Amino acid sequence: MHRLPTRIKQLEMTYDLVDLTADQLLNLLGDEFKQWADGKRPSRTSKADA
């Protein structure tokens, strides 16, 4: 998830993000963040689980 701030900064160079709807922003974020739009969080496995 650490890439989100970088991606937002990239989009701010081209788009006025304040004027976008949530759906428009999610579409601009791309497939990398689609799992978050679907309400699914990426699974994280800890070393204790492995």
N, C-alpha and C. Protein backbone atom coordinates (compact mmCIF):
# COMPACT_ATOMS: atom_id res chain seq x y z
N MET A 1 0.82 -1.20 0.00
CA MET A 1 0.00 0.00 0.00
C MET A 1 0.86 1.26 0.00
N HIS A 2 2.14 1.11 0.19
CA HIS A 2 3.01 2.28 0.24
C HIS A 2 3.11 3.02 -1.09
N ARG A 3 2.62 2.42 -2.17
CA ARG A 3 2.68 3.09 -3.47
C ARG A 3 1.53 4.08 -3.68
N LEU A 4 0.51 4.02 -2.84
CA LEU A 4 -0.64 4.90 -3.02
C LEU A 4 -0.26 6.38 -3.01
N PRO A 5 0.51 6.86 -2.04
CA PRO A 5 0.86 8.29 -2.06
C PRO A 5 1.62 8.69 -3.33
N THR A 6 2.48 7.82 -3.82
CA THR A 6 3.22 8.11 -5.05
C THR A 6 2.28 8.19 -6.23
N ARG A 7 1.34 7.25 -6.30
CA ARG A 7 0.37 7.24 -7.40
C ARG A 7 -0.54 8.47 -7.35
N ILE A 8 -0.95 8.87 -6.16
CA ILE A 8 -1.79 10.06 -6.01
C ILE A 8 -1.04 11.29 -6.50
N LYS A 9 0.23 11.41 -6.14
CA LYS A 9 1.03 12.56 -6.60
C LYS A 9 1.14 12.59 -8.11
N GLN A 10 1.28 11.42 -8.72
CA GLN A 10 1.34 11.35 -10.19
C GLN A 10 0.03 11.83 -10.80
N LEU A 11 -1.07 11.39 -10.24
CA LEU A 11 -2.38 11.77 -10.77
C LEU A 11 -2.66 13.26 -10.57
N GLU A 12 -2.16 13.83 -9.48
CA GLU A 12 -2.37 15.25 -9.21
C GLU A 12 -1.73 16.14 -10.28
N MET A 13 -0.72 15.61 -10.96
CA MET A 13 -0.06 16.40 -12.01
C MET A 13 -0.98 16.57 -13.24
N THR A 14 -1.92 15.66 -13.40
CA THR A 14 -2.78 15.67 -14.59
C THR A 14 -4.24 15.98 -14.28
N TYR A 15 -4.70 15.57 -13.11
CA TYR A 15 -6.12 15.68 -12.78
C TYR A 15 -6.34 16.53 -11.54
N ASP A 16 -7.50 17.16 -11.47
CA ASP A 16 -7.92 17.85 -10.26
C ASP A 16 -8.68 16.82 -9.43
N LEU A 17 -7.97 16.17 -8.54
CA LEU A 17 -8.53 15.03 -7.80
C LEU A 17 -9.72 15.42 -6.92
N VAL A 18 -9.76 16.66 -6.48
CA VAL A 18 -10.86 17.12 -5.63
C VAL A 18 -12.19 17.06 -6.38
N ASP A 19 -12.15 17.27 -7.68
CA ASP A 19 -13.38 17.28 -8.48
C ASP A 19 -13.80 15.90 -8.97
N LEU A 20 -13.01 14.88 -8.71
CA LEU A 20 -13.35 13.53 -9.16
C LEU A 20 -14.29 12.84 -8.18
N THR A 21 -15.13 11.97 -8.73
CA THR A 21 -15.93 11.11 -7.86
C THR A 21 -15.03 9.98 -7.38
N ALA A 22 -15.51 9.25 -6.39
CA ALA A 22 -14.73 8.11 -5.88
C ALA A 22 -14.50 7.09 -6.99
N ASP A 23 -15.52 6.82 -7.78
CA ASP A 23 -15.39 5.85 -8.87
C ASP A 23 -14.37 6.31 -9.91
N GLN A 24 -14.38 7.60 -10.23
CA GLN A 24 -13.40 8.12 -11.19
C GLN A 24 -11.98 7.96 -10.66
N LEU A 25 -11.78 8.27 -9.39
CA LEU A 25 -10.45 8.14 -8.80
C LEU A 25 -10.00 6.69 -8.79
N LEU A 26 -10.89 5.79 -8.41
CA LEU A 26 -10.53 4.38 -8.39
C LEU A 26 -10.17 3.88 -9.78
N ASN A 27 -10.88 4.34 -10.79
CA ASN A 27 -10.55 3.95 -12.16
C ASN A 27 -9.18 4.48 -12.57
N LEU A 28 -8.85 5.69 -12.16
CA LEU A 28 -7.55 6.27 -12.50
C LEU A 28 -6.40 5.57 -11.76
N LEU A 29 -6.67 5.08 -10.57
CA LEU A 29 -5.62 4.41 -9.81
C LEU A 29 -5.15 3.14 -10.51
N GLY A 30 -6.05 2.48 -11.22
CA GLY A 30 -5.64 1.33 -12.00
C GLY A 30 -5.79 0.01 -11.27
N ASP A 31 -5.40 -1.05 -11.97
CA ASP A 31 -5.58 -2.42 -11.49
C ASP A 31 -4.81 -2.72 -10.22
N GLU A 32 -3.70 -2.05 -10.02
CA GLU A 32 -2.88 -2.30 -8.83
C GLU A 32 -3.68 -2.09 -7.54
N PHE A 33 -4.64 -1.17 -7.57
CA PHE A 33 -5.42 -0.84 -6.39
C PHE A 33 -6.85 -1.34 -6.47
N LYS A 34 -7.16 -2.13 -7.47
CA LYS A 34 -8.53 -2.62 -7.67
C LYS A 34 -9.03 -3.45 -6.49
N GLN A 35 -8.16 -4.22 -5.88
CA GLN A 35 -8.58 -5.04 -4.75
C GLN A 35 -9.12 -4.18 -3.61
N TRP A 36 -8.61 -2.97 -3.45
CA TRP A 36 -9.10 -2.08 -2.41
C TRP A 36 -10.46 -1.52 -2.78
N ALA A 37 -10.68 -1.28 -4.07
CA ALA A 37 -11.97 -0.77 -4.53
C ALA A 37 -13.06 -1.82 -4.35
N ASP A 38 -12.69 -3.08 -4.45
CA ASP A 38 -13.65 -4.17 -4.30
C ASP A 38 -13.89 -4.50 -2.83
N GLY A 39 -13.25 -3.78 -1.94
CA GLY A 39 -13.41 -4.03 -0.51
C GLY A 39 -12.57 -5.18 0.00
N LYS A 40 -11.65 -5.66 -0.81
CA LYS A 40 -10.78 -6.77 -0.41
C LYS A 40 -9.41 -6.22 -0.05
N ARG A 41 -8.92 -6.64 1.06
CA ARG A 41 -7.57 -6.25 1.44
C ARG A 41 -6.61 -7.34 1.02
N PRO A 42 -5.43 -6.96 0.60
CA PRO A 42 -4.45 -8.00 0.25
C PRO A 42 -4.08 -8.81 1.47
N SER A 43 -3.94 -10.09 1.28
CA SER A 43 -3.58 -10.93 2.41
C SER A 43 -2.10 -10.75 2.72
N ARG A 44 -1.81 -10.71 3.98
CA ARG A 44 -0.41 -10.56 4.43
C ARG A 44 -0.10 -11.77 5.27
N THR A 45 0.94 -12.44 4.90
CA THR A 45 1.36 -13.57 5.70
C THR A 45 2.55 -13.17 6.54
N SER A 46 2.46 -13.49 7.79
CA SER A 46 3.59 -13.16 8.66
C SER A 46 4.54 -14.35 8.71
N LYS A 47 5.72 -14.11 9.22
CA LYS A 47 6.71 -15.18 9.33
C LYS A 47 6.22 -16.27 10.27
N ALA A 48 5.40 -15.91 11.23
CA ALA A 48 4.87 -16.91 12.17
C ALA A 48 3.89 -17.85 11.47
N ASP A 49 3.21 -17.34 10.42
CA ASP A 49 2.26 -18.16 9.68
C ASP A 49 2.94 -19.09 8.71
N ALA A 50 4.15 -18.77 8.32
CA ALA A 50 4.84 -19.54 7.29
C ALA A 50 5.45 -20.82 7.84
